[in-house]
Structures are given as C-alpha cells and as structure tokens.
Amino acid sequence: MQAIQDCINQIKKPGSSLYYSTLFLSEERMQVLSPLICFFWRIERIPRFTQETEVASSQLKWWYEELERAKKNQAQHPIAIALSQTQNEPENLMLLQQHIQHILKYQYDCQLDTIEDFVQFSQSRRLALVQLLLNYRQKKNKTSGEDNPQKIHTIFAELLSILDLLDGFHCDHKQGLIYFPLQSLIDHKLTVHQLCNLKNNRHEDVSQKSIKNRAYSFWYFWHQRALKLYQQLWQSDLKRQHDECLMLITYCSLRLKAINKSSKQGYNFHLNRALLTPLQKFWHTWRTKSRWMSVKKEPC
C-alpha cells in the first residue's frame, strides 16, 4: 500500500492541475487510478527531458521489462509495484507496454505528414490511459448503458494528446521532437525553424511580423481543434458517465483555460507552458463541476 500512497502523493501536490482534477474522486478510485497517471507522466517525461536518445531508449526499455516483472509481482520501482497491485490483469499491463512501444517508435521518427496521420498518432498516444481510467468504472458497473464508449475514448485521447503536445512544445522542440504535422506547417507557410525561434522584439521588421502572425495562426488552429473536441465531449452522452470522466473533463478544461489565457499573449508555446494560478484553477474546477452536475440532472 505504501507504493500506492506514494503515487497518490505525487498526484495530490497542491496547486497542480491534477490536484484539482482529482478533488472529487473517492479514496478507492484514487488508489486505483493514481498509479496509472503516474506511470504515463513518468514515461512521457523520458524523451522530453533526456538529452541523449540512446539513454532515453534504454530507460524506456527498462520500463518495458519492469512491467514484465510486475506481471509476476517482482517489480522494483514504486510505480510498477503500485500497478502490479491495482492493474494486475495481464491485458492491462500489456496495454501499458504497448504505450512504451509507441513512445519508442516516435522517439526516432516523429515526422507526421498529414493531419490524418496526426489524428491517428494522437489517439494512439493517449488511448490506453483513457481506456484504463474509464473502463475501471465500467467493470465495476457492467450495466452502465453507455451507447458508444469507444467514441468518447477516442475524443478524450486526441484532446489529451493535443493539450500535452501544446504544453510540452517548449521542451520537445529542443530535443528535435516536432509532432505537429508537416501539412499544418505548409498550410500556414511556416518552417520548423521559424516556429521554434520566434523573438519578442519591440522593433520588428515586416518579415518578422509576418512570421509571428503565421505562427499565431498555426497555434490558433490547434487551439480551436482542441476546443472543438472539448465541446464534442459535452455534447456526447455524459449522463451515464462516472467521476473518472469528470476528472478527465476537469483536467482538459483547466488546460484549455490556461491556453485561452496564453492566446492573449501570442501563445508563446516555444518558450513556456501556459499556466493558471491556483485560485484560477480552484474557481474553474468548481464551475466545471457545476456544469457537470447540471448535465447529470437533465432527463435521459
């Protein structure tokens, strides 16, 4: 249980978006879901913050083998130990291993040509997390009555991926990881170098202003795509959903609120991650909860 509590402590760091997103989860659900969230957070930090590709690959392969040990209750890392205690069905741990393989694949070749390629990539990047988070409740209550769970899963997966790539762009581009599709760059008449090296100068010539405007248009496009996915979630059948779904919606809502705020300063994803203050997060979390309760009260 100590390994599970360690995962909960990581999630429950006051002021973080995850802290506010999980405010309405019961202790039982926190124990099951925290190791999953910690695992995904840990795995995806490896290529984002490791300077050498070979070192990152070695770490990812170690985690793959650690999940093999977790299947036999022989894990060494606290997160893997917690997963062996809460996700002890072999197919669940296999899903996590597939996620590691996905990260390894795109660590070497992250060039995506079309928006269709990007959609497939982004859904794959987060689908295992969403399925494991939401399927937990479906297994507890097999009569959920949900018409099309796969649709909600893929919407969540794509939205979470876009938000993560926007949040992490200031780190990813330094590692040469540009996941946004080439088609989108061409459509906005941008090069990777221009997108990653924008300058905030008071005295800009016409060429610099043009590049800056095109970059703003590029980020606005992906911001609007994320907003559209978010609205699709609210328009789907949420009446039969449980608090795990509320957790994901709250997290997406907080990240989108931060991006809305950053849009007023020109986005600047190449420099830093969009942020909200703890008070802003607290207020927005309760507004999302209120909207959620209103939807739940609507007649089916």
Protein backbone atom coordinates (compact mmCIF):
# COMPACT_ATOMS: atom_id res chain seq x y z
CA MET A 1 0.00 0.00 0.00
CA GLN A 2 2.95 2.34 0.51
CA ALA A 3 3.70 2.29 -3.23
CA ILE A 4 0.10 3.27 -3.98
CA GLN A 5 0.22 6.06 -1.38
CA ASP A 6 3.43 7.38 -2.96
CA CYS A 7 1.57 7.66 -6.29
CA ILE A 8 -1.34 9.45 -4.62
CA ASN A 9 1.09 11.90 -3.01
CA GLN A 10 2.55 12.73 -6.43
CA ILE A 11 -0.91 13.40 -7.88
CA LYS A 12 -2.08 15.39 -4.88
CA LYS A 13 0.61 18.08 -4.98
CA PRO A 14 -1.34 21.24 -4.08
CA GLY A 15 -1.75 23.72 -6.90
CA SER A 16 -1.28 21.31 -9.80
CA SER A 17 -3.95 20.71 -12.43
CA LEU A 18 -4.04 17.03 -11.44
CA TYR A 19 -4.67 18.01 -7.82
CA TYR A 20 -7.79 19.97 -8.76
CA SER A 21 -8.90 17.40 -11.35
CA THR A 22 -8.98 14.63 -8.75
CA LEU A 23 -10.73 16.59 -5.99
CA PHE A 24 -13.99 14.67 -6.49
CA LEU A 25 -12.56 11.15 -6.66
CA SER A 26 -13.13 8.79 -3.74
CA GLU A 27 -10.18 7.25 -1.89
CA GLU A 28 -10.86 3.90 -3.57
CA ARG A 29 -10.68 5.42 -7.04
CA MET A 30 -7.57 7.43 -6.20
CA GLN A 31 -5.82 4.22 -5.17
CA VAL A 32 -6.62 2.55 -8.49
CA LEU A 33 -6.10 5.49 -10.84
CA SER A 34 -3.07 7.29 -9.33
CA PRO A 35 -0.51 4.62 -10.37
CA LEU A 36 -1.79 4.81 -13.95
CA ILE A 37 -1.48 8.58 -14.09
CA CYS A 38 1.98 8.49 -12.50
CA PHE A 39 3.12 5.85 -14.98
CA PHE A 40 2.10 7.88 -18.04
CA TRP A 41 3.58 11.05 -16.55
CA ARG A 42 6.89 9.28 -15.85
CA ILE A 43 7.17 7.53 -19.22
CA GLU A 44 6.48 10.61 -21.31
CA ARG A 45 8.99 12.73 -19.42
CA ILE A 46 11.79 10.43 -20.56
CA PRO A 47 12.15 11.56 -24.22
CA ARG A 48 11.06 15.09 -23.30
CA PHE A 49 13.79 15.68 -20.72
CA THR A 50 16.58 13.24 -21.68
CA GLN A 51 19.30 14.79 -23.80
CA GLU A 52 20.65 11.60 -25.40
CA THR A 53 18.34 9.40 -27.47
CA GLU A 54 20.21 6.23 -26.54
CA VAL A 55 19.80 6.94 -22.83
CA ALA A 56 16.09 7.63 -23.28
CA SER A 57 15.68 4.38 -25.22
CA SER A 58 17.44 2.42 -22.50
CA GLN A 59 15.18 3.90 -19.86
CA LEU A 60 12.03 3.12 -21.85
CA LYS A 61 13.17 -0.46 -22.46
CA TRP A 62 13.88 -0.83 -18.74
CA TRP A 63 10.31 0.21 -18.01
CA TYR A 64 9.02 -2.33 -20.53
CA GLU A 65 10.93 -5.05 -18.69
CA GLU A 66 9.77 -3.66 -15.35
CA LEU A 67 6.17 -4.22 -16.42
CA GLU A 68 7.09 -7.81 -17.27
CA ARG A 69 8.33 -8.15 -13.69
CA ALA A 70 5.14 -6.50 -12.44
CA LYS A 71 3.12 -9.29 -14.07
CA LYS A 72 5.00 -11.71 -11.78
CA ASN A 73 4.77 -9.41 -8.71
CA GLN A 74 8.55 -8.86 -8.92
CA ALA A 75 8.58 -5.14 -9.77
CA GLN A 76 11.24 -2.88 -8.24
CA HIS A 77 10.03 0.67 -8.92
CA PRO A 78 7.27 2.04 -6.61
CA ILE A 79 5.05 2.97 -9.59
CA ALA A 80 5.38 -0.50 -11.09
CA ILE A 81 4.74 -2.08 -7.69
CA ALA A 82 1.56 0.01 -7.37
CA LEU A 83 0.50 -1.03 -10.89
CA SER A 84 1.00 -4.71 -10.01
CA GLN A 85 -1.35 -4.18 -7.06
CA THR A 86 -4.05 -2.21 -8.92
CA GLN A 87 -3.76 -3.30 -12.59
CA ASN A 88 -2.96 -6.93 -12.03
CA GLU A 89 -4.81 -8.21 -15.11
CA PRO A 90 -2.22 -9.14 -17.78
CA GLU A 91 -4.07 -7.32 -20.58
CA ASN A 92 -3.88 -4.04 -18.64
CA LEU A 93 -0.12 -4.26 -18.21
CA MET A 94 0.18 -5.25 -21.87
CA LEU A 95 -1.63 -2.04 -22.82
CA LEU A 96 0.98 -0.09 -20.85
CA GLN A 97 3.78 -1.96 -22.61
CA GLN A 98 2.22 -1.08 -25.96
CA HIS A 99 2.27 2.56 -24.89
CA ILE A 100 6.01 2.31 -24.22
CA GLN A 101 6.48 0.83 -27.71
CA HIS A 102 4.51 3.76 -29.13
CA ILE A 103 6.79 6.26 -27.37
CA LEU A 104 9.88 4.38 -28.56
CA LYS A 105 8.65 4.35 -32.16
CA TYR A 106 8.04 8.09 -32.38
CA GLN A 107 11.15 8.98 -30.41
CA TYR A 108 13.22 8.14 -33.51
CA ASP A 109 10.82 9.24 -36.24
CA CYS A 110 8.25 11.79 -35.11
CA GLN A 111 7.64 13.30 -38.56
CA LEU A 112 3.93 13.16 -39.36
CA ASP A 113 2.94 14.27 -42.84
CA THR A 114 -0.81 14.84 -42.77
CA ILE A 115 -3.41 15.89 -40.23
CA GLU A 116 -4.98 12.43 -40.64
CA ASP A 117 -1.64 10.89 -39.60
CA PHE A 118 -1.57 13.21 -36.60
CA VAL A 119 -5.11 12.25 -35.54
CA GLN A 120 -4.18 8.57 -35.61
CA PHE A 121 -0.95 9.27 -33.73
CA SER A 122 -2.60 11.44 -31.06
CA GLN A 123 -5.41 8.98 -30.43
CA SER A 124 -2.91 6.13 -30.05
CA ARG A 125 -0.78 8.23 -27.72
CA ARG A 126 -3.48 8.53 -25.05
CA LEU A 127 -5.98 5.78 -25.80
CA ALA A 128 -4.52 3.25 -23.35
CA LEU A 129 -4.66 5.77 -20.50
CA VAL A 130 -8.26 6.75 -21.27
CA GLN A 131 -9.42 3.15 -21.66
CA LEU A 132 -7.87 2.06 -18.38
CA LEU A 133 -9.17 5.09 -16.49
CA LEU A 134 -12.74 4.82 -17.78
CA ASN A 135 -13.01 1.04 -18.12
CA TYR A 136 -12.33 0.68 -14.40
CA ARG A 137 -15.80 2.02 -13.66
CA GLN A 138 -17.41 0.04 -16.48
CA LYS A 139 -16.02 -3.17 -14.98
CA LYS A 140 -17.40 -2.19 -11.59
CA ASN A 141 -20.78 -1.46 -13.18
CA LYS A 142 -21.39 -3.56 -16.29
CA THR A 143 -24.84 -2.02 -16.84
CA SER A 144 -23.56 1.47 -17.50
CA GLY A 145 -25.85 1.78 -20.54
CA GLU A 146 -23.28 3.81 -22.45
CA ASP A 147 -24.05 3.67 -26.17
CA ASN A 148 -20.62 4.18 -27.71
CA PRO A 149 -17.76 4.20 -25.20
CA GLN A 150 -15.13 3.98 -27.95
CA LYS A 151 -16.22 7.34 -29.38
CA ILE A 152 -15.75 9.09 -26.03
CA HIS A 153 -12.43 7.30 -25.54
CA THR A 154 -11.01 8.48 -28.87
CA ILE A 155 -12.21 12.06 -28.35
CA PHE A 156 -10.56 12.15 -24.93
CA ALA A 157 -7.39 10.54 -26.29
CA GLU A 158 -6.95 13.05 -29.12
CA LEU A 159 -7.77 16.01 -26.88
CA LEU A 160 -5.36 14.96 -24.12
CA SER A 161 -2.61 14.41 -26.70
CA ILE A 162 -3.04 17.85 -28.26
CA LEU A 163 -3.03 19.51 -24.83
CA ASP A 164 0.11 17.59 -23.84
CA LEU A 165 1.91 18.50 -27.06
CA LEU A 166 0.99 22.17 -26.68
CA ASP A 167 2.12 22.14 -23.04
CA GLY A 168 5.35 20.31 -23.82
CA PHE A 169 6.33 22.02 -27.06
CA HIS A 170 8.86 24.30 -25.33
CA CYS A 171 10.75 21.16 -24.23
CA ASP A 172 10.04 18.85 -27.17
CA HIS A 173 11.42 21.14 -29.88
CA LYS A 174 14.74 21.40 -28.02
CA GLN A 175 15.02 17.60 -28.35
CA GLY A 176 14.13 17.75 -32.03
CA LEU A 177 10.67 16.29 -31.38
CA ILE A 178 8.16 18.12 -33.59
CA TYR A 179 4.98 16.05 -33.62
CA PHE A 180 2.67 18.54 -35.34
CA PRO A 181 2.12 17.52 -38.98
CA LEU A 182 4.07 18.88 -41.91
CA GLN A 183 0.80 19.62 -43.71
CA SER A 184 -0.19 22.10 -41.00
CA LEU A 185 3.17 23.90 -41.24
CA ILE A 186 2.85 24.12 -45.03
CA ASP A 187 -0.73 25.38 -44.77
CA HIS A 188 0.49 28.22 -42.53
CA LYS A 189 3.64 28.86 -44.63
CA LEU A 190 5.96 28.12 -41.74
CA THR A 191 9.20 26.22 -41.29
CA VAL A 192 10.11 24.33 -38.13
CA HIS A 193 12.95 26.79 -37.54
CA GLN A 194 10.58 29.77 -37.72
CA LEU A 195 8.07 28.15 -35.34
CA CYS A 196 10.73 27.30 -32.76
CA ASN A 197 12.72 30.55 -32.89
CA LEU A 198 10.20 33.35 -32.60
CA LYS A 199 11.53 36.51 -30.97
CA ASN A 200 9.60 39.02 -28.92
CA ASN A 201 11.26 42.20 -30.15
CA ARG A 202 9.80 45.66 -29.82
CA HIS A 203 11.21 46.70 -33.17
CA GLU A 204 10.19 44.04 -35.67
CA ASP A 205 10.51 44.39 -39.42
CA VAL A 206 7.74 43.41 -41.81
CA SER A 207 9.17 39.92 -42.34
CA GLN A 208 9.34 39.17 -38.60
CA LYS A 209 5.79 40.39 -38.05
CA SER A 210 4.58 38.19 -40.90
CA ILE A 211 6.23 35.11 -39.42
CA LYS A 212 4.82 35.92 -36.00
CA ASN A 213 1.31 36.28 -37.41
CA ARG A 214 1.57 32.98 -39.25
CA ALA A 215 2.81 31.26 -36.09
CA TYR A 216 -0.12 32.71 -34.15
CA SER A 217 -2.47 31.38 -36.84
CA PHE A 218 -0.81 27.95 -36.59
CA TRP A 219 -1.29 27.74 -32.83
CA TYR A 220 -4.81 29.16 -33.11
CA PHE A 221 -5.69 26.31 -35.48
CA TRP A 222 -4.64 23.65 -32.93
CA HIS A 223 -6.21 25.58 -30.07
CA GLN A 224 -9.52 25.60 -31.93
CA ARG A 225 -9.23 21.90 -32.74
CA ALA A 226 -8.79 21.18 -29.03
CA LEU A 227 -11.79 23.36 -28.17
CA LYS A 228 -13.92 21.55 -30.77
CA LEU A 229 -13.02 18.17 -29.25
CA TYR A 230 -13.82 19.51 -25.79
CA GLN A 231 -17.25 20.65 -26.95
CA GLN A 232 -17.85 17.24 -28.54
CA LEU A 233 -17.35 15.67 -25.12
CA TRP A 234 -20.05 17.86 -23.59
CA GLN A 235 -22.37 17.04 -26.48
CA SER A 236 -21.88 13.28 -26.04
CA ASP A 237 -23.85 11.10 -23.64
CA LEU A 238 -22.34 12.13 -20.31
CA LYS A 239 -25.42 11.43 -18.18
CA ARG A 240 -24.36 7.83 -17.61
CA GLN A 241 -20.69 8.67 -17.03
CA HIS A 242 -18.98 8.49 -13.64
CA ASP A 243 -16.48 10.60 -11.75
CA GLU A 244 -13.49 9.29 -13.70
CA CYS A 245 -14.95 11.06 -16.70
CA LEU A 246 -15.41 14.22 -14.63
CA MET A 247 -11.74 14.02 -13.66
CA LEU A 248 -10.64 13.94 -17.31
CA ILE A 249 -13.03 16.71 -18.34
CA THR A 250 -11.84 18.90 -15.47
CA TYR A 251 -8.20 18.38 -16.41
CA CYS A 252 -8.91 19.23 -20.08
CA SER A 253 -10.94 22.26 -19.02
CA LEU A 254 -8.11 23.60 -16.84
CA ARG A 255 -5.51 23.16 -19.55
CA LEU A 256 -7.77 24.82 -22.15
CA LYS A 257 -8.43 27.71 -19.78
CA ALA A 258 -4.67 28.23 -19.45
CA ILE A 259 -4.26 28.12 -23.23
CA ASN A 260 -7.10 30.63 -23.64
CA LYS A 261 -5.20 32.92 -21.29
CA SER A 262 -1.91 32.44 -23.16
CA SER A 263 -3.55 33.24 -26.51
CA LYS A 264 -3.81 36.87 -25.37
CA GLN A 265 0.00 36.97 -25.13
CA GLY A 266 0.51 35.32 -28.54
CA TYR A 267 0.63 31.72 -27.20
CA ASN A 268 4.48 31.53 -26.92
CA PHE A 269 4.43 27.72 -26.70
CA HIS A 270 8.05 27.70 -27.89
CA LEU A 271 9.07 29.47 -24.65
CA ASN A 272 6.93 28.06 -21.85
CA ARG A 273 3.84 26.17 -20.74
CA ALA A 274 0.57 28.05 -20.34
CA LEU A 275 -0.28 28.45 -16.65
CA LEU A 276 -3.11 29.36 -14.30
CA THR A 277 -2.83 30.46 -10.69
CA PRO A 278 -4.08 28.03 -8.01
CA LEU A 279 -7.02 30.35 -7.32
CA GLN A 280 -7.98 30.39 -11.00
CA LYS A 281 -7.76 26.59 -11.09
CA PHE A 282 -9.90 26.26 -7.97
CA TRP A 283 -12.59 28.56 -9.33
CA HIS A 284 -12.64 26.93 -12.76
CA THR A 285 -12.77 23.43 -11.24
CA TRP A 286 -15.93 24.28 -9.33
CA ARG A 287 -17.51 25.84 -12.43
CA THR A 288 -16.80 22.63 -14.37
CA LYS A 289 -18.24 20.54 -11.54
CA SER A 290 -21.38 22.70 -11.54
CA ARG A 291 -21.79 22.25 -15.30
CA TRP A 292 -21.27 18.50 -14.90
CA MET A 293 -23.99 18.28 -12.25
CA SER A 294 -26.38 20.23 -14.47
CA VAL A 295 -25.83 17.76 -17.30
CA LYS A 296 -26.34 14.81 -14.96
CA LYS A 297 -29.71 16.20 -13.86
CA GLU A 298 -31.03 16.54 -17.40
CA PRO A 299 -33.64 13.89 -18.32
CA CYS A 300 -32.33 10.97 -20.39
